[in-house]
Amino acid sequence: MAEAFKFDLVSPERLLFSQDVDQVVIPGTEGEMTVLANHAPTMTNIRPGVIAISHGGREDRYVVFGGFADVLPEGCTLLAESAVHVNELNREDLARRIQEAREDVQDAEDHETRTRAEEFLDQLTTLEGAILPA
């Protein structure tokens, strides 16, 4: 059994999860990252995706829409721009976010802004395909 460590998932609205866990899989901007106890200190930006939290033989999954994670040997804190348990995510909310991202792409005034907006839109549409049935 893996050594446990403290994991906190915080959104601007509330503390969503705060427990000792065995591992957490985080959707970092450079790829998925598995965090275990005694992990090297790291900070990473979070892309829209699913966080998988393993604890006590079960798994909880939350959808996050950006943020950053602070990983230390004794724990991990993820500050999400927005987060919701995967069972509470609804298709209308995700569709609204995708539409807003499309508008951001269209409204971009320079190449750098357009590129960031296109990346975010791609991440949202990938997330939609991964978690919502057709």
N, C-alpha and C. Protein backbone atom coordinates (compact mmCIF):
# COMPACT_ATOMS: atom_id res chain seq x y z
N MET A 1 0.84 -1.18 0.00
CA MET A 1 0.00 0.00 0.00
C MET A 1 0.89 1.25 0.00
N ALA A 2 0.51 2.22 -0.80
CA ALA A 2 1.30 3.44 -0.92
C ALA A 2 1.19 4.28 0.36
N GLU A 3 2.26 5.02 0.61
CA GLU A 3 2.26 5.93 1.75
C GLU A 3 1.30 7.09 1.47
N ALA A 4 0.52 7.47 2.45
CA ALA A 4 -0.47 8.53 2.28
C ALA A 4 0.17 9.91 2.45
N PHE A 5 -0.45 10.89 1.82
CA PHE A 5 -0.05 12.28 1.96
C PHE A 5 -1.29 13.15 1.89
N LYS A 6 -1.18 14.38 2.35
CA LYS A 6 -2.31 15.32 2.40
C LYS A 6 -2.55 15.91 1.01
N PHE A 7 -3.81 15.90 0.56
CA PHE A 7 -4.20 16.53 -0.71
C PHE A 7 -5.39 17.43 -0.47
N ASP A 8 -5.27 18.68 -0.96
CA ASP A 8 -6.37 19.64 -0.89
C ASP A 8 -6.71 20.12 -2.29
N LEU A 9 -7.98 20.09 -2.62
CA LEU A 9 -8.49 20.64 -3.88
C LEU A 9 -9.38 21.82 -3.51
N VAL A 10 -8.98 23.01 -3.97
CA VAL A 10 -9.67 24.24 -3.59
C VAL A 10 -10.11 24.97 -4.85
N SER A 11 -11.36 25.41 -4.86
CA SER A 11 -11.85 26.28 -5.93
C SER A 11 -12.15 27.64 -5.29
N PRO A 12 -12.39 28.68 -6.09
CA PRO A 12 -12.71 29.97 -5.47
C PRO A 12 -13.96 29.92 -4.58
N GLU A 13 -14.86 28.99 -4.87
CA GLU A 13 -16.10 28.91 -4.11
C GLU A 13 -15.95 28.16 -2.78
N ARG A 14 -15.07 27.09 -2.76
CA ARG A 14 -15.04 26.26 -1.57
C ARG A 14 -13.89 25.26 -1.62
N LEU A 15 -13.68 24.64 -0.48
CA LEU A 15 -12.76 23.52 -0.37
C LEU A 15 -13.53 22.28 -0.82
N LEU A 16 -13.08 21.65 -1.91
CA LEU A 16 -13.80 20.52 -2.47
C LEU A 16 -13.36 19.18 -1.89
N PHE A 17 -12.08 19.08 -1.56
CA PHE A 17 -11.54 17.81 -1.09
C PHE A 17 -10.34 18.10 -0.20
N SER A 18 -10.27 17.45 0.95
CA SER A 18 -9.14 17.62 1.86
C SER A 18 -9.00 16.36 2.69
N GLN A 19 -8.09 15.47 2.28
CA GLN A 19 -7.89 14.19 2.95
C GLN A 19 -6.48 13.69 2.70
N ASP A 20 -6.13 12.66 3.45
CA ASP A 20 -4.92 11.91 3.13
C ASP A 20 -5.26 10.97 1.97
N VAL A 21 -4.37 10.91 1.00
CA VAL A 21 -4.61 10.11 -0.20
C VAL A 21 -3.38 9.26 -0.51
N ASP A 22 -3.56 8.28 -1.40
CA ASP A 22 -2.46 7.42 -1.83
C ASP A 22 -1.76 8.01 -3.05
N GLN A 23 -2.54 8.57 -3.96
CA GLN A 23 -1.97 9.21 -5.14
C GLN A 23 -3.01 10.11 -5.78
N VAL A 24 -2.50 11.08 -6.58
CA VAL A 24 -3.35 11.99 -7.32
C VAL A 24 -2.77 12.12 -8.73
N VAL A 25 -3.63 12.01 -9.73
CA VAL A 25 -3.20 12.24 -11.12
C VAL A 25 -3.75 13.59 -11.53
N ILE A 26 -2.82 14.49 -11.92
CA ILE A 26 -3.14 15.89 -12.20
C ILE A 26 -2.94 16.17 -13.69
N PRO A 27 -3.89 16.87 -14.33
CA PRO A 27 -3.72 17.25 -15.74
C PRO A 27 -2.88 18.53 -15.87
N GLY A 28 -1.58 18.38 -15.82
CA GLY A 28 -0.69 19.53 -15.96
C GLY A 28 -0.63 20.01 -17.39
N THR A 29 -0.20 21.23 -17.59
CA THR A 29 -0.12 21.77 -18.95
C THR A 29 0.93 21.06 -19.78
N GLU A 30 1.91 20.42 -19.14
CA GLU A 30 2.95 19.68 -19.86
C GLU A 30 2.63 18.19 -19.94
N GLY A 31 1.44 17.79 -19.47
CA GLY A 31 1.04 16.39 -19.49
C GLY A 31 0.55 15.96 -18.13
N GLU A 32 -0.01 14.75 -18.08
CA GLU A 32 -0.51 14.24 -16.80
C GLU A 32 0.65 13.94 -15.87
N MET A 33 0.40 14.18 -14.58
CA MET A 33 1.43 14.01 -13.57
C MET A 33 0.84 13.24 -12.40
N THR A 34 1.51 12.16 -12.01
CA THR A 34 1.08 11.39 -10.85
C THR A 34 1.87 11.85 -9.64
N VAL A 35 1.16 12.22 -8.59
CA VAL A 35 1.79 12.68 -7.36
C VAL A 35 1.63 11.60 -6.30
N LEU A 36 2.76 11.25 -5.68
CA LEU A 36 2.80 10.30 -4.58
C LEU A 36 3.43 10.98 -3.38
N ALA A 37 3.39 10.34 -2.22
CA ALA A 37 4.04 10.88 -1.03
C ALA A 37 5.53 11.07 -1.31
N ASN A 38 6.11 12.07 -0.70
CA ASN A 38 7.53 12.39 -0.83
C ASN A 38 7.93 12.82 -2.24
N HIS A 39 6.98 13.37 -2.99
CA HIS A 39 7.26 13.87 -4.35
C HIS A 39 8.20 15.08 -4.25
N ALA A 40 9.03 15.24 -5.24
CA ALA A 40 9.92 16.40 -5.28
C ALA A 40 9.07 17.67 -5.37
N PRO A 41 9.52 18.76 -4.74
CA PRO A 41 8.78 20.01 -4.81
C PRO A 41 8.61 20.47 -6.26
N THR A 42 7.38 20.79 -6.62
CA THR A 42 7.05 21.19 -7.98
C THR A 42 5.84 22.12 -7.95
N MET A 43 5.83 23.06 -8.87
CA MET A 43 4.62 23.84 -9.14
C MET A 43 4.31 23.65 -10.61
N THR A 44 3.04 23.46 -10.93
CA THR A 44 2.65 23.28 -12.32
C THR A 44 1.32 23.94 -12.58
N ASN A 45 1.16 24.46 -13.77
CA ASN A 45 -0.13 24.96 -14.21
C ASN A 45 -1.02 23.78 -14.56
N ILE A 46 -2.32 23.97 -14.39
CA ILE A 46 -3.29 22.92 -14.66
C ILE A 46 -4.10 23.30 -15.89
N ARG A 47 -4.29 22.32 -16.78
CA ARG A 47 -5.15 22.52 -17.95
C ARG A 47 -6.52 21.92 -17.64
N PRO A 48 -7.54 22.27 -18.38
CA PRO A 48 -8.84 21.63 -18.17
C PRO A 48 -8.70 20.11 -18.31
N GLY A 49 -9.21 19.39 -17.35
CA GLY A 49 -9.10 17.94 -17.37
C GLY A 49 -9.68 17.33 -16.11
N VAL A 50 -9.36 16.07 -15.91
CA VAL A 50 -9.89 15.31 -14.78
C VAL A 50 -8.76 14.99 -13.81
N ILE A 51 -9.02 15.25 -12.53
CA ILE A 51 -8.11 14.87 -11.46
C ILE A 51 -8.63 13.56 -10.89
N ALA A 52 -7.77 12.56 -10.83
CA ALA A 52 -8.13 11.27 -10.24
C ALA A 52 -7.44 11.15 -8.88
N ILE A 53 -8.23 10.99 -7.84
CA ILE A 53 -7.72 10.94 -6.47
C ILE A 53 -7.96 9.54 -5.92
N SER A 54 -6.87 8.82 -5.59
CA SER A 54 -6.97 7.47 -5.03
C SER A 54 -6.75 7.54 -3.53
N HIS A 55 -7.71 7.00 -2.79
CA HIS A 55 -7.60 7.00 -1.32
C HIS A 55 -8.43 5.87 -0.74
N GLY A 56 -7.83 5.15 0.17
CA GLY A 56 -8.56 4.10 0.88
C GLY A 56 -9.21 3.07 -0.02
N GLY A 57 -8.59 2.72 -1.14
CA GLY A 57 -9.15 1.72 -2.04
C GLY A 57 -10.24 2.23 -2.97
N ARG A 58 -10.49 3.52 -2.96
CA ARG A 58 -11.49 4.07 -3.88
C ARG A 58 -10.90 5.24 -4.65
N GLU A 59 -11.63 5.69 -5.65
CA GLU A 59 -11.16 6.81 -6.47
C GLU A 59 -12.27 7.85 -6.60
N ASP A 60 -11.89 9.11 -6.41
CA ASP A 60 -12.78 10.24 -6.69
C ASP A 60 -12.21 10.97 -7.89
N ARG A 61 -13.11 11.50 -8.71
CA ARG A 61 -12.68 12.24 -9.90
C ARG A 61 -13.38 13.60 -9.92
N TYR A 62 -12.58 14.63 -10.19
CA TYR A 62 -13.07 15.99 -10.29
C TYR A 62 -12.64 16.57 -11.62
N VAL A 63 -13.51 17.36 -12.23
CA VAL A 63 -13.17 18.09 -13.44
C VAL A 63 -12.68 19.46 -13.02
N VAL A 64 -11.54 19.88 -13.54
CA VAL A 64 -10.99 21.20 -13.25
C VAL A 64 -10.86 21.98 -14.55
N PHE A 65 -10.98 23.29 -14.44
CA PHE A 65 -10.89 24.18 -15.60
C PHE A 65 -9.75 25.17 -15.40
N GLY A 66 -8.54 24.63 -15.23
CA GLY A 66 -7.38 25.48 -15.05
C GLY A 66 -7.04 25.71 -13.60
N GLY A 67 -5.88 26.31 -13.38
CA GLY A 67 -5.40 26.58 -12.03
C GLY A 67 -3.94 26.21 -11.93
N PHE A 68 -3.49 25.92 -10.71
CA PHE A 68 -2.13 25.44 -10.54
C PHE A 68 -2.05 24.54 -9.32
N ALA A 69 -1.01 23.69 -9.31
CA ALA A 69 -0.79 22.76 -8.21
C ALA A 69 0.57 23.04 -7.59
N ASP A 70 0.60 23.00 -6.26
CA ASP A 70 1.82 23.15 -5.49
C ASP A 70 2.07 21.79 -4.83
N VAL A 71 3.15 21.12 -5.26
CA VAL A 71 3.47 19.79 -4.77
C VAL A 71 4.69 19.87 -3.87
N LEU A 72 4.57 19.32 -2.67
CA LEU A 72 5.68 19.24 -1.72
C LEU A 72 5.80 17.79 -1.25
N PRO A 73 6.92 17.40 -0.68
CA PRO A 73 7.06 16.01 -0.23
C PRO A 73 5.94 15.57 0.73
N GLU A 74 5.44 16.48 1.55
CA GLU A 74 4.42 16.11 2.54
C GLU A 74 2.99 16.31 2.07
N GLY A 75 2.78 16.88 0.88
CA GLY A 75 1.41 17.09 0.43
C GLY A 75 1.32 17.83 -0.89
N CYS A 76 0.09 18.01 -1.31
CA CYS A 76 -0.19 18.68 -2.58
C CYS A 76 -1.45 19.52 -2.41
N THR A 77 -1.38 20.75 -2.90
CA THR A 77 -2.55 21.63 -2.93
C THR A 77 -2.80 22.04 -4.36
N LEU A 78 -4.02 21.82 -4.83
CA LEU A 78 -4.40 22.23 -6.17
C LEU A 78 -5.41 23.36 -6.05
N LEU A 79 -5.06 24.52 -6.57
CA LEU A 79 -5.96 25.67 -6.59
C LEU A 79 -6.56 25.77 -7.98
N ALA A 80 -7.81 25.42 -8.09
CA ALA A 80 -8.48 25.36 -9.38
C ALA A 80 -9.22 26.66 -9.66
N GLU A 81 -9.19 27.08 -10.93
CA GLU A 81 -10.01 28.24 -11.32
C GLU A 81 -11.48 27.91 -11.13
N SER A 82 -11.82 26.68 -11.44
CA SER A 82 -13.17 26.17 -11.26
C SER A 82 -13.06 24.66 -11.21
N ALA A 83 -13.87 24.01 -10.38
CA ALA A 83 -13.82 22.56 -10.26
C ALA A 83 -15.18 22.03 -9.82
N VAL A 84 -15.46 20.80 -10.24
CA VAL A 84 -16.71 20.15 -9.88
C VAL A 84 -16.48 18.64 -9.90
N HIS A 85 -17.16 17.92 -9.00
CA HIS A 85 -17.06 16.47 -9.03
C HIS A 85 -17.59 15.99 -10.39
N VAL A 86 -16.96 14.98 -10.95
CA VAL A 86 -17.32 14.53 -12.30
C VAL A 86 -18.79 14.14 -12.39
N ASN A 87 -19.37 13.63 -11.31
CA ASN A 87 -20.79 13.25 -11.32
C ASN A 87 -21.73 14.45 -11.34
N GLU A 88 -21.20 15.64 -11.00
CA GLU A 88 -22.03 16.84 -10.94
C GLU A 88 -21.89 17.72 -12.19
N LEU A 89 -20.99 17.36 -13.09
CA LEU A 89 -20.79 18.15 -14.30
C LEU A 89 -21.97 17.94 -15.23
N ASN A 90 -22.46 19.05 -15.79
CA ASN A 90 -23.56 18.88 -16.74
C ASN A 90 -23.14 19.38 -18.12
N ARG A 91 -23.77 18.79 -19.12
CA ARG A 91 -23.45 19.07 -20.52
C ARG A 91 -23.65 20.55 -20.87
N GLU A 92 -24.67 21.19 -20.31
CA GLU A 92 -24.96 22.59 -20.63
C GLU A 92 -23.84 23.51 -20.15
N ASP A 93 -23.32 23.25 -18.96
CA ASP A 93 -22.23 24.08 -18.43
C ASP A 93 -20.99 23.94 -19.30
N LEU A 94 -20.65 22.71 -19.66
CA LEU A 94 -19.48 22.51 -20.50
C LEU A 94 -19.69 23.12 -21.89
N ALA A 95 -20.88 22.99 -22.44
CA ALA A 95 -21.17 23.60 -23.75
C ALA A 95 -21.05 25.12 -23.68
N ARG A 96 -21.48 25.72 -22.58
CA ARG A 96 -21.35 27.17 -22.40
C ARG A 96 -19.89 27.57 -22.37
N ARG A 97 -19.08 26.83 -21.64
CA ARG A 97 -17.65 27.13 -21.56
C ARG A 97 -16.98 27.01 -22.93
N ILE A 98 -17.37 25.99 -23.70
CA ILE A 98 -16.80 25.81 -25.04
C ILE A 98 -17.21 26.97 -25.94
N GLN A 99 -18.46 27.39 -25.87
CA GLN A 99 -18.92 28.52 -26.69
C GLN A 99 -18.16 29.80 -26.32
N GLU A 100 -17.95 30.03 -25.03
CA GLU A 100 -17.19 31.21 -24.60
C GLU A 100 -15.75 31.14 -25.11
N ALA A 101 -15.17 29.96 -25.12
CA ALA A 101 -13.80 29.80 -25.63
C ALA A 101 -13.75 30.06 -27.13
N ARG A 102 -14.78 29.62 -27.87
CA ARG A 102 -14.84 29.91 -29.32
C ARG A 102 -14.92 31.41 -29.56
N GLU A 103 -15.70 32.09 -28.75
CA GLU A 103 -15.81 33.55 -28.88
C GLU A 103 -14.48 34.23 -28.56
N ASP A 104 -13.76 33.71 -27.57
CA ASP A 104 -12.44 34.26 -27.25
C ASP A 104 -11.47 34.10 -28.42
N VAL A 105 -11.55 32.98 -29.13
CA VAL A 105 -10.71 32.78 -30.31
C VAL A 105 -11.05 33.81 -31.38
N GLN A 106 -12.34 34.00 -31.63
CA GLN A 106 -12.78 34.95 -32.66
C GLN A 106 -12.42 36.39 -32.30
N ASP A 107 -12.45 36.71 -31.00
CA ASP A 107 -12.22 38.08 -30.56
C ASP A 107 -10.75 38.41 -30.32
N ALA A 108 -9.88 37.43 -30.45
CA ALA A 108 -8.46 37.65 -30.16
C ALA A 108 -7.89 38.73 -31.07
N GLU A 109 -7.14 39.65 -30.47
CA GLU A 109 -6.61 40.78 -31.22
C GLU A 109 -5.18 40.59 -31.68
N ASP A 110 -4.50 39.57 -31.15
CA ASP A 110 -3.13 39.31 -31.60
C ASP A 110 -2.88 37.81 -31.63
N HIS A 111 -1.77 37.43 -32.25
CA HIS A 111 -1.46 36.02 -32.46
C HIS A 111 -1.30 35.26 -31.14
N GLU A 112 -0.63 35.85 -30.18
CA GLU A 112 -0.39 35.18 -28.91
C GLU A 112 -1.70 34.91 -28.17
N THR A 113 -2.57 35.90 -28.15
CA THR A 113 -3.87 35.73 -27.48
C THR A 113 -4.70 34.67 -28.20
N ARG A 114 -4.68 34.69 -29.53
CA ARG A 114 -5.43 33.70 -30.31
C ARG A 114 -4.90 32.29 -30.04
N THR A 115 -3.58 32.14 -29.99
CA THR A 115 -2.99 30.83 -29.76
C THR A 115 -3.39 30.28 -28.39
N ARG A 116 -3.34 31.11 -27.35
CA ARG A 116 -3.75 30.66 -26.02
C ARG A 116 -5.24 30.29 -26.00
N ALA A 117 -6.07 31.08 -26.66
CA ALA A 117 -7.50 30.79 -26.71
C ALA A 117 -7.77 29.49 -27.47
N GLU A 118 -7.04 29.26 -28.56
CA GLU A 118 -7.22 28.03 -29.33
C GLU A 118 -6.79 26.81 -28.52
N GLU A 119 -5.71 26.94 -27.75
CA GLU A 119 -5.26 25.84 -26.91
C GLU A 119 -6.30 25.51 -25.84
N PHE A 120 -6.86 26.55 -25.22
CA PHE A 120 -7.88 26.34 -24.20
C PHE A 120 -9.12 25.69 -24.81
N LEU A 121 -9.55 26.14 -25.98
CA LEU A 121 -10.70 25.54 -26.66
C LEU A 121 -10.43 24.07 -26.97
N ASP A 122 -9.24 23.77 -27.43
CA ASP A 122 -8.88 22.38 -27.73
C ASP A 122 -8.93 21.53 -26.47
N GLN A 123 -8.44 22.07 -25.36
CA GLN A 123 -8.46 21.33 -24.10
C GLN A 123 -9.90 21.06 -23.65
N LEU A 124 -10.76 22.05 -23.80
CA LEU A 124 -12.17 21.86 -23.41
C LEU A 124 -12.87 20.83 -24.27
N THR A 125 -12.64 20.87 -25.58
CA THR A 125 -13.31 19.91 -26.45
C THR A 125 -12.77 18.50 -26.22
N THR A 126 -11.49 18.38 -25.91
CA THR A 126 -10.92 17.07 -25.56
C THR A 126 -11.56 16.56 -24.28
N LEU A 127 -11.69 17.43 -23.29
CA LEU A 127 -12.33 17.08 -22.03
C LEU A 127 -13.76 16.62 -22.27
N GLU A 128 -14.48 17.36 -23.08
CA GLU A 128 -15.87 17.00 -23.39
C GLU A 128 -15.96 15.59 -23.96
N GLY A 129 -15.08 15.27 -24.90
CA GLY A 129 -15.09 13.94 -25.51
C GLY A 129 -14.71 12.85 -24.54
N ALA A 130 -13.89 13.19 -23.56
CA ALA A 130 -13.39 12.17 -22.63
C ALA A 130 -14.39 11.84 -21.52
N ILE A 131 -15.23 12.79 -21.11
CA ILE A 131 -16.06 12.54 -19.93
C ILE A 131 -17.55 12.48 -20.20
N LEU A 132 -17.99 13.03 -21.32
CA LEU A 132 -19.44 13.01 -21.59
C LEU A 132 -19.76 12.04 -22.72
N PRO A 133 -20.71 11.16 -22.49
CA PRO A 133 -21.09 10.23 -23.56
C PRO A 133 -21.74 11.00 -24.70
N ALA A 134 -21.60 10.47 -25.88
CA ALA A 134 -22.16 11.11 -27.08
C ALA A 134 -23.66 11.09 -27.08
